[in-house]
C-alpha atoms as a PDB file:
ATOM      1  CA  MET A   1       2.203  13.814 -12.850  1.00  0.00           C
ATOM      2  CA  LEU A   2       1.545  10.223 -13.639  1.00  0.00           C
ATOM      3  CA  GLY A   3      -1.681   8.896 -15.049  1.00  0.00           C
ATOM      4  CA  PRO A   4      -2.976   5.865 -16.881  1.00  0.00           C
ATOM      5  CA  ARG A   5      -2.106   5.781 -20.534  1.00  0.00           C
ATOM      6  CA  GLY A   6      -4.603   7.485 -22.766  1.00  0.00           C
ATOM      7  CA  GLY A   7      -4.252   9.100 -26.160  1.00  0.00           C
ATOM      8  CA  TYR A   8      -4.578  12.824 -26.613  1.00  0.00           C
ATOM      9  CA  GLU A   9      -5.356  14.531 -29.871  1.00  0.00           C
ATOM     10  CA  PHE A  10      -5.277  18.181 -30.823  1.00  0.00           C
ATOM     11  CA  GLY A  11      -8.323  19.712 -32.326  1.00  0.00           C
ATOM     12  CA  GLY A  12     -11.929  19.003 -31.544  1.00  0.00           C
ATOM     13  CA  PRO A  13     -14.849  21.406 -31.539  1.00  0.00           C
ATOM     14  CA  ALA A  14     -13.958  25.057 -31.879  1.00  0.00           C
ATOM     15  CA  GLN A  15     -14.023  26.980 -28.602  1.00  0.00           C
ATOM     16  CA  PRO A  16     -15.338  30.530 -28.386  1.00  0.00           C
ATOM     17  CA  GLY A  17     -13.541  33.626 -27.183  1.00  0.00           C
ATOM     18  CA  PHE A  18     -10.310  33.635 -25.230  1.00  0.00           C
ATOM     19  CA  ILE A  19     -10.244  29.871 -24.633  1.00  0.00           C
ATOM     20  CA  GLY A  20     -10.552  29.198 -28.362  1.00  0.00           C
ATOM     21  CA  PHE A  21      -7.740  31.636 -29.066  1.00  0.00           C
ATOM     22  CA  ILE A  22      -5.507  29.870 -26.521  1.00  0.00           C
ATOM     23  CA  GLU A  23      -6.349  26.482 -28.059  1.00  0.00           C
ATOM     24  CA  GLU A  24      -5.137  27.697 -31.467  1.00  0.00           C
ATOM     25  CA  LEU A  25      -1.855  28.931 -29.981  1.00  0.00           C
ATOM     26  CA  LYS A  26      -1.307  25.833 -27.834  1.00  0.00           C
ATOM     27  CA  PRO A  27       1.431  24.078 -29.896  1.00  0.00           C
ATOM     28  CA  GLY A  28       3.676  27.159 -29.832  1.00  0.00           C
ATOM     29  CA  VAL A  29       3.142  28.244 -26.231  1.00  0.00           C
ATOM     30  CA  PRO A  30       5.996  26.130 -24.766  1.00  0.00           C
ATOM     31  CA  LEU A  31       8.401  27.350 -27.446  1.00  0.00           C
ATOM     32  CA  VAL A  32       7.783  30.892 -26.258  1.00  0.00           C
ATOM     33  CA  LEU A  33       7.680  30.233 -22.520  1.00  0.00           C
ATOM     34  CA  LEU A  34      10.436  27.660 -22.054  1.00  0.00           C
ATOM     35  CA  PRO A  35      13.451  29.920 -22.797  1.00  0.00           C
ATOM     36  CA  PRO A  36      12.640  32.619 -20.206  1.00  0.00           C
ATOM     37  CA  VAL A  37      11.611  30.005 -17.644  1.00  0.00           C
ATOM     38  CA  MET A  38      14.847  28.079 -18.142  1.00  0.00           C
ATOM     39  CA  ILE A  39      16.837  31.297 -17.776  1.00  0.00           C
ATOM     40  CA  GLY A  40      14.976  31.916 -14.532  1.00  0.00           C
ATOM     41  CA  LEU A  41      15.791  28.415 -13.298  1.00  0.00           C
ATOM     42  CA  TRP A  42      19.437  29.023 -14.129  1.00  0.00           C
ATOM     43  CA  PHE A  43      19.599  32.145 -11.973  1.00  0.00           C
ATOM     44  CA  VAL A  44      17.696  30.543  -9.091  1.00  0.00           C
ATOM     45  CA  PHE A  45      19.571  27.228  -8.969  1.00  0.00           C
ATOM     46  CA  ARG A  46      22.961  27.853 -10.591  1.00  0.00           C
ATOM     47  CA  ASN A  47      24.748  27.805  -7.225  1.00  0.00           C
ATOM     48  CA  THR A  48      23.044  24.542  -6.276  1.00  0.00           C
ATOM     49  CA  TRP A  49      24.085  23.011  -9.611  1.00  0.00           C
ATOM     50  CA  ARG A  50      27.654  24.245  -9.179  1.00  0.00           C
ATOM     51  CA  GLU A  51      27.876  22.689  -5.705  1.00  0.00           C
ATOM     52  CA  LEU A  52      26.667  19.375  -7.087  1.00  0.00           C
ATOM     53  CA  ASP A  53      29.228  19.529  -9.900  1.00  0.00           C
ATOM     54  CA  GLU A  54      32.045  20.334  -7.481  1.00  0.00           C
ATOM     55  CA  ASP A  55      31.117  17.408  -5.237  1.00  0.00           C
ATOM     56  CA  ALA A  56      30.901  15.076  -8.243  1.00  0.00           C
ATOM     57  CA  HIS A  57      34.295  16.283  -9.484  1.00  0.00           C
ATOM     58  CA  ARG A  58      35.896  15.403  -6.148  1.00  0.00           C
ATOM     59  CA  HIS A  59      34.178  12.019  -6.092  1.00  0.00           C
ATOM     60  CA  ARG A  60      35.302  11.102  -9.615  1.00  0.00           C
ATOM     61  CA  ALA A  61      38.830  12.339  -8.951  1.00  0.00           C
ATOM     62  CA  ALA A  62      39.056  10.116  -5.878  1.00  0.00           C
ATOM     63  CA  LEU A  63      37.872   7.086  -7.868  1.00  0.00           C
ATOM     64  CA  LEU A  64      40.365   7.756 -10.657  1.00  0.00           C
ATOM     65  CA  ALA A  65      43.177   8.139  -8.141  1.00  0.00           C
ATOM     66  CA  GLN A  66      42.297   4.700  -6.789  1.00  0.00           C
ATOM     67  CA  GLY A  67      42.103   3.237 -10.283  1.00  0.00           C
ATOM     68  CA  ARG A  68      38.436   2.343  -9.815  1.00  0.00           C
ATOM     69  CA  ALA A  69      35.461   2.658 -12.143  1.00  0.00           C
ATOM     70  CA  ASP A  70      32.180   4.137 -10.959  1.00  0.00           C
ATOM     71  CA  SER A  71      29.504   1.442 -11.094  1.00  0.00           C
ATOM     72  CA  ARG A  72      26.656   3.644  -9.885  1.00  0.00           C
ATOM     73  CA  PRO A  73      25.492   5.111 -13.227  1.00  0.00           C
ATOM     74  CA  PHE A  74      25.543   1.675 -14.832  1.00  0.00           C
ATOM     75  CA  VAL A  75      23.505   0.070 -12.039  1.00  0.00           C
ATOM     76  CA  ALA A  76      21.118   2.992 -11.512  1.00  0.00           C
ATOM     77  CA  PHE A  77      20.230   3.614 -15.166  1.00  0.00           C
ATOM     78  CA  VAL A  78      19.639  -0.061 -15.940  1.00  0.00           C
ATOM     79  CA  MET A  79      17.538  -0.418 -12.798  1.00  0.00           C
ATOM     80  CA  CYS A  80      15.466   2.695 -13.494  1.00  0.00           C
ATOM     81  CA  ALA A  81      14.932   1.786 -17.146  1.00  0.00           C
ATOM     82  CA  MET A  82      13.735  -1.678 -16.146  1.00  0.00           C
ATOM     83  CA  ILE A  83      11.387  -0.307 -13.486  1.00  0.00           C
ATOM     84  CA  LEU A  84       9.768   2.134 -15.916  1.00  0.00           C
ATOM     85  CA  THR A  85       9.460  -0.583 -18.561  1.00  0.00           C
ATOM     86  CA  LEU A  86       7.789  -3.022 -16.173  1.00  0.00           C
ATOM     87  CA  GLN A  87       5.339  -0.354 -15.087  1.00  0.00           C
ATOM     88  CA  GLU A  88       4.507   0.555 -18.674  1.00  0.00           C
ATOM     89  CA  TYR A  89       3.704  -3.018 -19.680  1.00  0.00           C
ATOM     90  CA  PHE A  90       2.344  -4.499 -16.445  1.00  0.00           C
ATOM     91  CA  GLY A  91       1.268  -1.598 -14.238  1.00  0.00           C
ATOM     92  CA  GLY A  92      -1.510  -0.048 -16.275  1.00  0.00           C
ATOM     93  CA  ARG A  93      -5.112  -0.610 -17.205  1.00  0.00           C
ATOM     94  CA  VAL A  94      -4.368  -2.849 -20.191  1.00  0.00           C
ATOM     95  CA  TYR A  95      -2.631  -5.498 -18.087  1.00  0.00           C
ATOM     96  CA  PHE A  96      -5.220  -5.121 -15.332  1.00  0.00           C
ATOM     97  CA  ASP A  97      -8.051  -5.784 -17.791  1.00  0.00           C
ATOM     98  CA  ALA A  98      -6.227  -8.711 -19.386  1.00  0.00           C
ATOM     99  CA  LYS A  99      -5.028 -10.520 -16.250  1.00  0.00           C
ATOM    100  CA  ILE A 100      -6.047  -9.087 -12.887  1.00  0.00           C
ATOM    101  CA  HIS A 101      -9.667  -8.314 -13.717  1.00  0.00           C
ATOM    102  CA  LYS A 102     -10.578 -11.986 -14.190  1.00  0.00           C
ATOM    103  CA  LEU A 103      -8.989 -12.974 -10.869  1.00  0.00           C
ATOM    104  CA  LEU A 104     -10.907 -10.302  -8.980  1.00  0.00           C
ATOM    105  CA  VAL A 105     -14.185 -11.277 -10.636  1.00  0.00           C
ATOM    106  CA  GLU A 106     -13.637 -14.900  -9.570  1.00  0.00           C
ATOM    107  CA  TYR A 107     -12.801 -13.864  -6.011  1.00  0.00           C
ATOM    108  CA  ASP A 108     -15.831 -11.583  -5.840  1.00  0.00           C
ATOM    109  CA  THR A 109     -18.063 -14.437  -7.030  1.00  0.00           C
ATOM    110  CA  LEU A 110     -16.734 -16.804  -4.360  1.00  0.00           C
ATOM    111  CA  HIS A 111     -16.698 -14.180  -1.599  1.00  0.00           C
ATOM    112  CA  PRO A 112     -19.577 -11.736  -2.178  1.00  0.00           C
ATOM    113  CA  HIS A 113     -19.463  -8.309  -0.531  1.00  0.00           C
ATOM    114  CA  VAL A 114     -15.799  -8.598   0.516  1.00  0.00           C
ATOM    115  CA  ILE A 115     -14.147  -6.464  -2.148  1.00  0.00           C
ATOM    116  CA  GLU A 116     -17.394  -5.281  -3.808  1.00  0.00           C
ATOM    117  CA  PHE A 117     -15.668  -5.584  -7.185  1.00  0.00           C
ATOM    118  CA  ARG A 118     -18.723  -4.982  -9.332  1.00  0.00           C
ATOM    119  CA  LYS A 119     -19.461  -1.753  -7.522  1.00  0.00           C
ATOM    120  CA  TYR A 120     -15.842  -0.566  -7.462  1.00  0.00           C
ATOM    121  CA  GLU A 121     -14.460  -2.123 -10.634  1.00  0.00           C
ATOM    122  CA  GLU A 122     -12.869   1.106 -11.868  1.00  0.00           C
ATOM    123  CA  LEU A 123     -11.506   1.912  -8.407  1.00  0.00           C
ATOM    124  CA  TRP A 124      -9.842  -1.509  -8.168  1.00  0.00           C
ATOM    125  CA  GLY A 125      -8.160  -0.790 -11.479  1.00  0.00           C
ATOM    126  CA  TYR A 126      -6.595   2.268  -9.880  1.00  0.00           C
ATOM    127  CA  VAL A 127      -5.643   0.248  -6.803  1.00  0.00           C
ATOM    128  CA  TRP A 128      -3.558  -1.868  -9.174  1.00  0.00           C
ATOM    129  CA  TRP A 129      -2.136   1.210 -10.878  1.00  0.00           C
ATOM    130  CA  ALA A 130      -1.223   2.977  -7.628  1.00  0.00           C
ATOM    131  CA  GLY A 131       0.073  -0.228  -6.039  1.00  0.00           C
ATOM    132  CA  THR A 132       2.436  -0.989  -8.898  1.00  0.00           C
ATOM    133  CA  ARG A 133       3.723   2.608  -8.789  1.00  0.00           C
ATOM    134  CA  ILE A 134       4.355   2.461  -5.051  1.00  0.00           C
ATOM    135  CA  GLY A 135       6.053  -0.931  -5.310  1.00  0.00           C
ATOM    136  CA  GLY A 136       8.062  -0.023  -8.394  1.00  0.00           C
ATOM    137  CA  TYR A 137       9.070   3.445  -7.250  1.00  0.00           C
ATOM    138  CA  VAL A 138       9.848   2.644  -3.623  1.00  0.00           C
ATOM    139  CA  PHE A 139      10.279  -0.956  -2.519  1.00  0.00           C
ATOM    140  CA  VAL A 140      12.135  -2.268  -5.559  1.00  0.00           C
ATOM    141  CA  PRO A 141      14.734   0.489  -6.106  1.00  0.00           C
ATOM    142  CA  PHE A 142      15.361   1.389  -2.462  1.00  0.00           C
ATOM    143  CA  GLY A 143      15.511  -2.236  -1.339  1.00  0.00           C
ATOM    144  CA  LEU A 144      17.718  -3.373  -4.212  1.00  0.00           C
ATOM    145  CA  TRP A 145      20.073  -0.407  -3.843  1.00  0.00           C
ATOM    146  CA  LYS A 146      20.552  -1.085  -0.128  1.00  0.00           C
ATOM    147  CA  LEU A 147      21.362  -4.687  -1.000  1.00  0.00           C
ATOM    148  CA  LEU A 148      23.942  -3.661  -3.612  1.00  0.00           C
ATOM    149  CA  TYR A 149      25.379  -0.670  -1.715  1.00  0.00           C
ATOM    150  CA  PRO A 150      24.846  -1.492   1.981  1.00  0.00           C
ATOM    151  CA  LYS A 151      26.979   1.427   3.206  1.00  0.00           C
ATOM    152  CA  ASP A 152      24.641   3.991   1.609  1.00  0.00           C
ATOM    153  CA  SER A 153      22.005   5.516   3.894  1.00  0.00           C
ATOM    154  CA  LEU A 154      18.554   5.495   2.325  1.00  0.00           C
ATOM    155  CA  LEU A 155      17.689   8.592   4.364  1.00  0.00           C
ATOM    156  CA  ASP A 156      20.234  10.487   2.281  1.00  0.00           C
ATOM    157  CA  LEU A 157      18.042   9.904  -0.764  1.00  0.00           C
ATOM    158  CA  GLY A 158      15.868  12.900   0.046  1.00  0.00           C
ATOM    159  CA  LEU A 159      14.043  11.310   2.976  1.00  0.00           C
ATOM    160  CA  ARG A 160      15.365  13.378   5.875  1.00  0.00           C
ATOM    161  CA  THR A 161      12.916  15.787   7.488  1.00  0.00           C
ATOM    162  CA  LYS A 162      15.492  18.045   9.145  1.00  0.00           C
ATOM    163  CA  GLY A 163      15.075  21.632   8.002  1.00  0.00           C
ATOM    164  CA  PHE A 164      11.578  21.044   6.609  1.00  0.00           C
ATOM    165  CA  TRP A 165       9.970  24.008   8.375  1.00  0.00           C
ATOM    166  CA  SER A 166      12.836  26.337   7.507  1.00  0.00           C
ATOM    167  CA  HIS A 167      12.012  25.756   3.821  1.00  0.00           C
ATOM    168  CA  ILE A 168       8.227  25.892   4.107  1.00  0.00           C
ATOM    169  CA  TRP A 169       8.262  29.401   2.629  1.00  0.00           C
ATOM    170  CA  ILE A 170       9.440  27.884  -0.666  1.00  0.00           C
ATOM    171  CA  TYR A 171       6.366  25.675  -0.830  1.00  0.00           C
ATOM    172  CA  LEU A 172       4.048  28.575  -0.016  1.00  0.00           C
ATOM    173  CA  SER A 173       5.710  30.794  -2.633  1.00  0.00           C
ATOM    174  CA  ILE A 174       5.372  28.103  -5.299  1.00  0.00           C
ATOM    175  CA  LEU A 175       1.749  27.552  -4.364  1.00  0.00           C
ATOM    176  CA  ALA A 176       0.955  31.259  -4.627  1.00  0.00           C
ATOM    177  CA  PHE A 177       2.231  31.173  -8.217  1.00  0.00           C
ATOM    178  CA  ILE A 178       0.803  27.818  -9.295  1.00  0.00           C
ATOM    179  CA  LEU A 179      -2.742  28.095  -7.950  1.00  0.00           C
ATOM    180  CA  PRO A 180      -3.914  30.916 -10.261  1.00  0.00           C
ATOM    181  CA  VAL A 181      -2.174  29.235 -13.214  1.00  0.00           C
ATOM    182  CA  THR A 182      -3.988  26.003 -12.405  1.00  0.00           C
ATOM    183  CA  TYR A 183      -7.299  27.826 -12.233  1.00  0.00           C
ATOM    184  CA  ILE A 184      -6.738  29.362 -15.671  1.00  0.00           C
ATOM    185  CA  ALA A 185      -5.751  25.973 -17.108  1.00  0.00           C
ATOM    186  CA  SER A 186      -8.884  24.428 -15.631  1.00  0.00           C
ATOM    187  CA  ARG A 187     -10.978  26.486 -18.029  1.00  0.00           C
ATOM    188  CA  ALA A 188      -9.650  24.494 -21.001  1.00  0.00           C
ATOM    189  CA  PRO A 189     -12.060  21.783 -22.262  1.00  0.00           C
ATOM    190  CA  ASP A 190      -9.445  19.011 -22.352  1.00  0.00           C
ATOM    191  CA  PHE A 191      -8.643  19.708 -18.704  1.00  0.00           C
ATOM    192  CA  ARG A 192     -12.243  19.410 -17.568  1.00  0.00           C
ATOM    193  CA  SER A 193     -12.756  16.159 -19.452  1.00  0.00           C
ATOM    194  CA  TYR A 194      -9.450  14.578 -18.393  1.00  0.00           C
ATOM    195  CA  TYR A 195      -9.561  15.052 -14.606  1.00  0.00           C
ATOM    196  CA  PRO A 196     -10.043  13.304 -12.317  1.00  0.00           C
ATOM    197  CA  PHE A 197      -8.763  10.020 -13.735  1.00  0.00           C
ATOM    198  CA  TYR A 198     -11.264   8.084 -11.631  1.00  0.00           C
ATOM    199  CA  LYS A 199     -14.527   9.024 -13.307  1.00  0.00           C
ATOM    200  CA  ALA A 200     -16.710   7.591 -10.525  1.00  0.00           C
ATOM    201  CA  SER A 201     -15.326  10.305  -8.220  1.00  0.00           C
ATOM    202  CA  THR A 202     -18.590  12.113  -8.934  1.00  0.00           C
ATOM    203  CA  ARG A 203     -20.621   9.274  -7.400  1.00  0.00           C
ATOM    204  CA  SER A 204     -19.841   9.857  -3.704  1.00  0.00           C
ATOM    205  CA  TRP A 205     -17.389  11.466  -1.324  1.00  0.00           C
ATOM    206  CA  PHE A 206     -16.152   7.977  -0.460  1.00  0.00           C
ATOM    207  CA  ASP A 207     -15.204   7.415  -4.101  1.00  0.00           C
ATOM    208  CA  PHE A 208     -13.572  10.844  -4.348  1.00  0.00           C
ATOM    209  CA  LEU A 209     -11.547  10.529  -1.120  1.00  0.00           C
ATOM    210  CA  ALA A 210     -10.555   6.905  -1.787  1.00  0.00           C
ATOM    211  CA  TRP A 211      -9.217   8.002  -5.169  1.00  0.00           C
ATOM    212  CA  GLU A 212      -7.401  11.045  -3.762  1.00  0.00           C
ATOM    213  CA  SER A 213      -5.753   8.897  -1.066  1.00  0.00           C
ATOM    214  CA  MET A 214      -4.318   6.535  -3.675  1.00  0.00           C
ATOM    215  CA  TYR A 215      -3.399   9.458  -5.898  1.00  0.00           C
ATOM    216  CA  PHE A 216      -1.466  11.151  -3.082  1.00  0.00           C
ATOM    217  CA  ALA A 217       0.294   7.908  -2.120  1.00  0.00           C
ATOM    218  CA  GLN A 218       1.578   7.359  -5.648  1.00  0.00           C
ATOM    219  CA  PHE A 219       2.763  10.987  -5.745  1.00  0.00           C
ATOM    220  CA  LEU A 220       4.857  10.375  -2.652  1.00  0.00           C
ATOM    221  CA  ALA A 221       6.266   7.260  -4.327  1.00  0.00           C
ATOM    222  CA  LEU A 222       6.917   9.241  -7.519  1.00  0.00           C
ATOM    223  CA  GLU A 223       8.830  11.938  -5.622  1.00  0.00           C
ATOM    224  CA  MET A 224      10.822   9.302  -3.738  1.00  0.00           C
ATOM    225  CA  PHE A 225      11.835   7.709  -7.035  1.00  0.00           C
ATOM    226  CA  PHE A 226      12.556  10.655  -9.321  1.00  0.00           C
ATOM    227  CA  ARG A 227      13.665  13.369  -6.894  1.00  0.00           C
ATOM    228  CA  GLY A 228      14.929  11.091  -4.130  1.00  0.00           C
ATOM    229  CA  PHE A 229      16.341   7.855  -5.503  1.00  0.00           C
ATOM    230  CA  TRP A 230      17.263   8.855  -9.054  1.00  0.00           C
ATOM    231  CA  ILE A 231      19.106  12.053  -8.181  1.00  0.00           C
ATOM    232  CA  GLY A 232      20.342  10.796  -4.809  1.00  0.00           C
ATOM    233  CA  VAL A 233      22.236   7.789  -6.154  1.00  0.00           C
ATOM    234  CA  LEU A 234      23.593   9.629  -9.216  1.00  0.00           C
ATOM    235  CA  ARG A 235      24.474  13.103  -7.935  1.00  0.00           C
ATOM    236  CA  ARG A 236      28.014  12.182  -6.882  1.00  0.00           C
ATOM    237  CA  SER A 237      28.624  10.555 -10.251  1.00  0.00           C
ATOM    238  CA  LEU A 238      26.901  13.054 -12.561  1.00  0.00           C
ATOM    239  CA  GLY A 239      26.656  16.218 -10.477  1.00  0.00           C
ATOM    240  CA  SER A 240      23.876  18.507 -11.684  1.00  0.00           C
ATOM    241  CA  GLY A 241      23.551  16.238 -14.731  1.00  0.00           C
ATOM    242  CA  ALA A 242      21.631  13.820 -12.504  1.00  0.00           C
ATOM    243  CA  ILE A 243      18.783  16.350 -12.354  1.00  0.00           C
ATOM    244  CA  PHE A 244      18.607  16.806 -16.117  1.00  0.00           C
ATOM    245  CA  ALA A 245      18.923  13.063 -16.760  1.00  0.00           C
ATOM    246  CA  MET A 246      15.918  12.536 -14.468  1.00  0.00           C
ATOM    247  CA  ALA A 247      13.864  15.281 -16.135  1.00  0.00           C
ATOM    248  CA  VAL A 248      13.752  13.474 -19.500  1.00  0.00           C
ATOM    249  CA  PRO A 249      11.944  10.262 -18.439  1.00  0.00           C
ATOM    250  CA  TYR A 250       9.897  12.323 -15.990  1.00  0.00           C
ATOM    251  CA  CYS A 251       8.545  14.304 -18.946  1.00  0.00           C
ATOM    252  CA  MET A 252       8.005  11.125 -20.966  1.00  0.00           C
ATOM    253  CA  ILE A 253       5.820   9.433 -18.336  1.00  0.00           C
ATOM    254  CA  HIS A 254       3.372  12.286 -18.935  1.00  0.00           C
ATOM    255  CA  TYR A 255       2.831  11.308 -22.584  1.00  0.00           C
ATOM    256  CA  GLY A 256      -0.876  10.807 -23.136  1.00  0.00           C
ATOM    257  CA  LYS A 257      -1.799  13.678 -20.823  1.00  0.00           C
ATOM    258  CA  PRO A 258      -2.809  17.167 -22.048  1.00  0.00           C
ATOM    259  CA  TYR A 259      -0.043  18.712 -24.179  1.00  0.00           C
ATOM    260  CA  LEU A 260       0.660  21.783 -22.059  1.00  0.00           C
ATOM    261  CA  GLU A 261       0.848  19.700 -18.884  1.00  0.00           C
ATOM    262  CA  THR A 262       3.393  17.394 -20.494  1.00  0.00           C
ATOM    263  CA  CYS A 263       5.488  20.372 -21.563  1.00  0.00           C
ATOM    264  CA  GLY A 264       5.165  21.746 -18.048  1.00  0.00           C
ATOM    265  CA  ALA A 265       6.645  18.489 -16.739  1.00  0.00           C
ATOM    266  CA  ILE A 266       9.976  19.518 -18.289  1.00  0.00           C
ATOM    267  CA  ILE A 267      10.015  22.596 -16.083  1.00  0.00           C
ATOM    268  CA  ALA A 268       8.627  20.728 -13.077  1.00  0.00           C
ATOM    269  CA  GLY A 269      11.230  17.964 -13.371  1.00  0.00           C
ATOM    270  CA  ILE A 270      14.147  20.392 -13.365  1.00  0.00           C
ATOM    271  CA  PHE A 271      12.618  22.676 -10.749  1.00  0.00           C
ATOM    272  CA  LEU A 272      11.571  19.979  -8.283  1.00  0.00           C
ATOM    273  CA  GLY A 273      14.825  18.085  -8.771  1.00  0.00           C
ATOM    274  CA  SER A 274      16.857  21.220  -8.093  1.00  0.00           C
ATOM    275  CA  LEU A 275      14.651  22.078  -5.127  1.00  0.00           C
ATOM    276  CA  SER A 276      15.173  18.643  -3.597  1.00  0.00           C
ATOM    277  CA  MET A 277      18.940  19.092  -3.892  1.00  0.00           C
ATOM    278  CA  ARG A 278      18.806  22.538  -2.302  1.00  0.00           C
ATOM    279  CA  THR A 279      16.589  21.460   0.612  1.00  0.00           C
ATOM    280  CA  LYS A 280      18.022  17.905   0.835  1.00  0.00           C
ATOM    281  CA  SER A 281      14.417  16.703   0.951  1.00  0.00           C
ATOM    282  CA  ILE A 282      11.645  15.529  -1.376  1.00  0.00           C
ATOM    283  CA  TYR A 283       8.813  16.716   0.839  1.00  0.00           C
ATOM    284  CA  GLN A 284       8.446  20.226  -0.549  1.00  0.00           C
ATOM    285  CA  GLY A 285       7.968  18.773  -4.032  1.00  0.00           C
ATOM    286  CA  PHE A 286       5.502  16.225  -2.684  1.00  0.00           C
ATOM    287  CA  LEU A 287       3.406  18.967  -1.085  1.00  0.00           C
ATOM    288  CA  VAL A 288       3.418  20.945  -4.334  1.00  0.00           C
ATOM    289  CA  HIS A 289       2.351  17.880  -6.279  1.00  0.00           C
ATOM    290  CA  ILE A 290      -0.577  16.863  -4.085  1.00  0.00           C
ATOM    291  CA  SER A 291      -1.786  20.446  -3.659  1.00  0.00           C
ATOM    292  CA  VAL A 292      -1.945  20.977  -7.407  1.00  0.00           C
ATOM    293  CA  ALA A 293      -3.370  17.498  -8.064  1.00  0.00           C
ATOM    294  CA  ALA A 294      -6.180  17.913  -5.521  1.00  0.00           C
ATOM    295  CA  LEU A 295      -7.017  21.357  -6.878  1.00  0.00           C
ATOM    296  CA  MET A 296      -7.058  20.088 -10.473  1.00  0.00           C
ATOM    297  CA  ASP A 297      -9.475  17.291  -9.624  1.00  0.00           C
ATOM    298  CA  TRP A 298     -11.670  19.602  -7.566  1.00  0.00           C
ATOM    299  CA  LEU A 299     -11.801  22.307 -10.225  1.00  0.00           C
ATOM    300  CA  ALA A 300     -12.487  19.819 -13.019  1.00  0.00           C
ATOM    301  CA  LEU A 301     -15.497  18.466 -11.131  1.00  0.00           C
ATOM    302  CA  ALA A 302     -16.690  21.876  -9.981  1.00  0.00           C
ATOM    303  CA  GLN A 303     -16.528  23.333 -13.494  1.00  0.00           C
ATOM    304  CA  ARG A 304     -18.748  20.474 -14.720  1.00  0.00           C
ATOM    305  CA  GLY A 305     -21.080  20.787 -11.732  1.00  0.00           C
ATOM    306  CA  ALA A 306     -20.161  17.202 -10.873  1.00  0.00           C
ATOM    307  CA  LEU A 307     -18.933  17.369  -7.263  1.00  0.00           C
ATOM    308  CA  PRO A 308     -20.372  14.451  -5.269  1.00  0.00           C
ATOM    309  CA  THR A 309     -23.458  15.035  -3.157  1.00  0.00           C
ATOM    310  CA  GLU A 310     -23.657  11.686  -1.324  1.00  0.00           C
ATOM    311  CA  LEU A 311     -21.326  10.389   1.385  1.00  0.00           C
ATOM    312  CA  PHE A 312     -21.394   6.797   0.107  1.00  0.00           C
ATOM    313  CA  PRO A 313     -22.504   5.270  -3.197  1.00  0.00           C
ATOM    314  CA  PRO A 314     -25.901   3.538  -3.250  1.00  0.00           C
ATOM    315  CA  ASN A 315     -26.167   0.386  -1.126  1.00  0.00           C
ATOM    316  CA  PHE A 316     -22.750   0.934   0.454  1.00  0.00           C
ATOM    317  CA  PRO A 317     -22.503  -1.482   3.425  1.00  0.00           C
ATOM    318  CA  ASN A 318     -22.371   0.433   6.723  1.00  0.00           C
END
């Protein structure tokens, strides 16, 4: 899951009991868990991967027979690399503080009580963050691809809803597994201090729900980009390799988040990418993402006794 850049360091105060023991083992946990999990993914999705490889083989054979080169990997990888680079340098808090913050302060001075910037300064920073993710993950790649490849249907990039209810059992099964794991992870001190990203979520339910709305919207954009666009435009060129190519940058955008979560993104990238190819839809992955994200924020606040108690922050205009 995406979040604003922030460093993460191992160590810190010693933790008692079981949690302290887990903290000491943390660096080696993925090395132990990844092999059996990957074997499990192989058995669950190997037929899906084979079907993708067979379709890609036919596509490449047809291009070779026509004496044509496949331009899709070249265009897609350059486009995706540029999108991620622009977001890294211009879509985060550093750029917001350096450039956008001053503009909003000036506007708030000239037009008091319109955007309430002084009251919602941190929230506006996340408006910028979520907005650049939605624009960069959805409007830029989907719009540019349709311009370059007008015969391609954007709905084929994981956006069709047909068959959604027939696969709802997959989402429920995943949730039954993930929810207890998330609860256990929420006991770790770095988890409780890291979530939610928007620290003023504790101030009021308005703050909490405004943040969650933006958070969910950027998750939909994220799924559209990584599991929809990225795999959708490359699957006929790379077959199952499109999933694994996507999983690498998907893991990397988690750098700065808690270590075990970043390692878990390797599994999540492959799993959700494979799931989107099996169901021909991104929506199952989106539901998984927002369910876990909402629970993580809720648990982090609840474990600190910091759930909001007011509907609106002080002096909120009615």
